């Protein structure tokens, strides 16, 4: 009985410490009034992140997420290989930034 309780507690601690909330999930739009010169920011004026995919403009791709504090690393999957990795910084509950070709682009959380 003691072994079972210890095993259960260790399993619970492992699960709770390994599960960071993915604050990136949802719909984001380029912050109003921000001028962007990068074609990626113009093309991806709205970005949607869901459980295992993301949509940028009309491009939908399968992705995985790696939450590291206020950074969320999004890795696109191309077949059985990982494609590009992009780091999004969550600055607060409704704001995130990304560096696109040297230009910092700020997105705001969007709700319909």
C-alpha atoms as a PDB file:
ATOM      1  CA  UNK A   1       0.000   0.000   0.000  1.00  0.00           C
ATOM      2  CA  UNK A   2       2.810   2.413   0.868  1.00  0.00           C
ATOM      3  CA  UNK A   3       4.516   1.708  -2.477  1.00  0.00           C
ATOM      4  CA  UNK A   4       1.319   2.503  -4.368  1.00  0.00           C
ATOM      5  CA  UNK A   5       0.875   5.854  -2.599  1.00  0.00           C
ATOM      6  CA  UNK A   6       4.490   6.843  -3.267  1.00  0.00           C
ATOM      7  CA  UNK A   7       4.228   5.816  -6.918  1.00  0.00           C
ATOM      8  CA  UNK A   8       0.992   7.771  -7.296  1.00  0.00           C
ATOM      9  CA  UNK A   9       2.502  10.899  -5.709  1.00  0.00           C
ATOM     10  CA  UNK A  10       5.599  10.725  -7.914  1.00  0.00           C
ATOM     11  CA  UNK A  11       3.447  10.303 -11.009  1.00  0.00           C
ATOM     12  CA  UNK A  12       1.242  13.241 -10.006  1.00  0.00           C
ATOM     13  CA  UNK A  13       4.255  15.493  -9.372  1.00  0.00           C
ATOM     14  CA  UNK A  14       5.757  14.532 -12.729  1.00  0.00           C
ATOM     15  CA  UNK A  15       2.534  15.316 -14.560  1.00  0.00           C
ATOM     16  CA  UNK A  16       1.941  18.634 -12.814  1.00  0.00           C
ATOM     17  CA  UNK A  17       5.478  19.948 -13.239  1.00  0.00           C
ATOM     18  CA  UNK A  18       5.717  18.856 -16.861  1.00  0.00           C
ATOM     19  CA  UNK A  19       2.490  20.460 -18.031  1.00  0.00           C
ATOM     20  CA  UNK A  20       2.919  24.115 -18.830  1.00  0.00           C
ATOM     21  CA  UNK A  21      -0.082  25.930 -20.253  1.00  0.00           C
ATOM     22  CA  UNK A  22       0.232  26.820 -23.921  1.00  0.00           C
ATOM     23  CA  UNK A  23      -0.817  30.493 -23.880  1.00  0.00           C
ATOM     24  CA  UNK A  24      -0.328  30.743 -27.642  1.00  0.00           C
ATOM     25  CA  UNK A  25      -3.467  28.757 -28.505  1.00  0.00           C
ATOM     26  CA  UNK A  26      -6.136  30.943 -30.083  1.00  0.00           C
ATOM     27  CA  UNK A  27      -6.422  33.612 -32.768  1.00  0.00           C
ATOM     28  CA  UNK A  28      -3.952  36.498 -33.043  1.00  0.00           C
ATOM     29  CA  UNK A  29      -3.903  39.572 -35.287  1.00  0.00           C
ATOM     30  CA  UNK A  30      -1.143  42.084 -35.977  1.00  0.00           C
ATOM     31  CA  UNK A  31      -1.560  44.831 -33.410  1.00  0.00           C
ATOM     32  CA  UNK A  32      -3.582  47.752 -34.849  1.00  0.00           C
ATOM     33  CA  UNK A  33      -1.534  50.764 -35.883  1.00  0.00           C
ATOM     34  CA  UNK A  34       1.688  48.804 -36.199  1.00  0.00           C
ATOM     35  CA  UNK A  35       3.457  49.323 -39.497  1.00  0.00           C
ATOM     36  CA  UNK A  36       5.031  46.200 -40.919  1.00  0.00           C
ATOM     37  CA  UNK A  37       7.334  46.105 -43.877  1.00  0.00           C
ATOM     38  CA  UNK A  38       7.945  42.364 -43.810  1.00  0.00           C
ATOM     39  CA  UNK A  39       6.034  40.318 -46.349  1.00  0.00           C
ATOM     40  CA  UNK A  40       5.516  37.539 -43.771  1.00  0.00           C
ATOM     41  CA  UNK A  41       3.761  39.896 -41.362  1.00  0.00           C
ATOM     42  CA  UNK A  42       1.587  41.179 -44.204  1.00  0.00           C
ATOM     43  CA  UNK A  43       0.807  37.644 -45.353  1.00  0.00           C
ATOM     44  CA  UNK A  44       0.198  36.471 -41.766  1.00  0.00           C
ATOM     45  CA  UNK A  45      -1.895  39.370 -40.552  1.00  0.00           C
ATOM     46  CA  UNK A  46      -3.950  36.760 -38.676  1.00  0.00           C
ATOM     47  CA  UNK A  47      -2.470  33.613 -37.121  1.00  0.00           C
ATOM     48  CA  UNK A  48      -4.506  30.827 -35.531  1.00  0.00           C
ATOM     49  CA  UNK A  49      -2.979  28.223 -33.220  1.00  0.00           C
ATOM     50  CA  UNK A  50      -4.961  25.124 -32.276  1.00  0.00           C
ATOM     51  CA  UNK A  51      -4.007  21.866 -30.567  1.00  0.00           C
ATOM     52  CA  UNK A  52      -1.749  20.390 -33.259  1.00  0.00           C
ATOM     53  CA  UNK A  53      -1.862  22.828 -36.168  1.00  0.00           C
ATOM     54  CA  UNK A  54      -1.560  26.485 -37.064  1.00  0.00           C
ATOM     55  CA  UNK A  55      -2.961  28.659 -39.821  1.00  0.00           C
ATOM     56  CA  UNK A  56      -1.184  31.671 -41.255  1.00  0.00           C
ATOM     57  CA  UNK A  57      -3.253  33.335 -43.954  1.00  0.00           C
ATOM     58  CA  UNK A  58      -4.545  30.447 -46.061  1.00  0.00           C
ATOM     59  CA  UNK A  59      -1.689  28.092 -45.083  1.00  0.00           C
ATOM     60  CA  UNK A  60      -2.629  25.352 -42.611  1.00  0.00           C
ATOM     61  CA  UNK A  61       0.188  23.197 -41.258  1.00  0.00           C
ATOM     62  CA  UNK A  62       0.682  20.522 -38.656  1.00  0.00           C
ATOM     63  CA  UNK A  63       2.805  21.764 -35.748  1.00  0.00           C
ATOM     64  CA  UNK A  64       4.070  20.863 -32.308  1.00  0.00           C
ATOM     65  CA  UNK A  65       4.554  23.217 -29.371  1.00  0.00           C
ATOM     66  CA  UNK A  66       7.353  23.470 -26.820  1.00  0.00           C
ATOM     67  CA  UNK A  67       6.435  25.812 -23.950  1.00  0.00           C
ATOM     68  CA  UNK A  68       9.475  27.298 -22.186  1.00  0.00           C
ATOM     69  CA  UNK A  69       8.210  29.881 -19.716  1.00  0.00           C
ATOM     70  CA  UNK A  70       6.952  32.872 -21.704  1.00  0.00           C
ATOM     71  CA  UNK A  71       8.402  31.476 -24.972  1.00  0.00           C
ATOM     72  CA  UNK A  72       6.474  29.048 -27.139  1.00  0.00           C
ATOM     73  CA  UNK A  73       8.550  27.307 -29.808  1.00  0.00           C
ATOM     74  CA  UNK A  74       6.345  26.223 -32.712  1.00  0.00           C
ATOM     75  CA  UNK A  75       7.818  23.507 -34.937  1.00  0.00           C
ATOM     76  CA  UNK A  76       6.186  22.753 -38.254  1.00  0.00           C
ATOM     77  CA  UNK A  77       6.059  19.131 -39.315  1.00  0.00           C
ATOM     78  CA  UNK A  78       6.873  18.171 -42.881  1.00  0.00           C
ATOM     79  CA  UNK A  79       6.030  14.521 -43.238  1.00  0.00           C
ATOM     80  CA  UNK A  80       8.094  12.559 -40.719  1.00  0.00           C
ATOM     81  CA  UNK A  81      10.638  15.383 -40.323  1.00  0.00           C
ATOM     82  CA  UNK A  82      10.408  18.636 -38.411  1.00  0.00           C
ATOM     83  CA  UNK A  83      10.423  21.757 -40.536  1.00  0.00           C
ATOM     84  CA  UNK A  84      11.023  25.276 -39.304  1.00  0.00           C
ATOM     85  CA  UNK A  85      10.983  26.397 -35.678  1.00  0.00           C
ATOM     86  CA  UNK A  86       9.644  29.800 -34.683  1.00  0.00           C
ATOM     87  CA  UNK A  87       9.768  31.326 -31.189  1.00  0.00           C
ATOM     88  CA  UNK A  88       6.799  33.396 -30.042  1.00  0.00           C
ATOM     89  CA  UNK A  89       7.171  35.471 -26.880  1.00  0.00           C
ATOM     90  CA  UNK A  90       4.053  35.868 -24.772  1.00  0.00           C
ATOM     91  CA  UNK A  91       4.386  39.335 -23.246  1.00  0.00           C
ATOM     92  CA  UNK A  92       1.018  39.268 -21.453  1.00  0.00           C
ATOM     93  CA  UNK A  93      -2.265  37.385 -21.669  1.00  0.00           C
ATOM     94  CA  UNK A  94      -3.346  39.236 -24.816  1.00  0.00           C
ATOM     95  CA  UNK A  95      -0.040  40.151 -26.502  1.00  0.00           C
ATOM     96  CA  UNK A  96       2.719  38.189 -28.190  1.00  0.00           C
ATOM     97  CA  UNK A  97       5.704  39.156 -30.306  1.00  0.00           C
ATOM     98  CA  UNK A  98       7.751  37.468 -32.981  1.00  0.00           C
ATOM     99  CA  UNK A  99      10.927  38.523 -34.733  1.00  0.00           C
ATOM    100  CA  UNK A 100      10.385  38.267 -38.508  1.00  0.00           C
ATOM    101  CA  UNK A 101      13.578  38.843 -40.463  1.00  0.00           C
ATOM    102  CA  UNK A 102      14.872  41.341 -37.904  1.00  0.00           C
ATOM    103  CA  UNK A 103      11.567  43.161 -37.457  1.00  0.00           C
ATOM    104  CA  UNK A 104       9.672  42.692 -34.180  1.00  0.00           C
ATOM    105  CA  UNK A 105       5.984  42.186 -34.927  1.00  0.00           C
ATOM    106  CA  UNK A 106       3.422  42.418 -32.138  1.00  0.00           C
ATOM    107  CA  UNK A 107       0.164  40.471 -32.252  1.00  0.00           C
ATOM    108  CA  UNK A 108      -2.933  40.924 -30.092  1.00  0.00           C
ATOM    109  CA  UNK A 109      -5.242  38.126 -29.065  1.00  0.00           C
ATOM    110  CA  UNK A 110      -8.427  38.285 -31.113  1.00  0.00           C
ATOM    111  CA  UNK A 111     -11.859  37.099 -30.081  1.00  0.00           C
ATOM    112  CA  UNK A 112     -14.827  37.033 -32.414  1.00  0.00           C
END
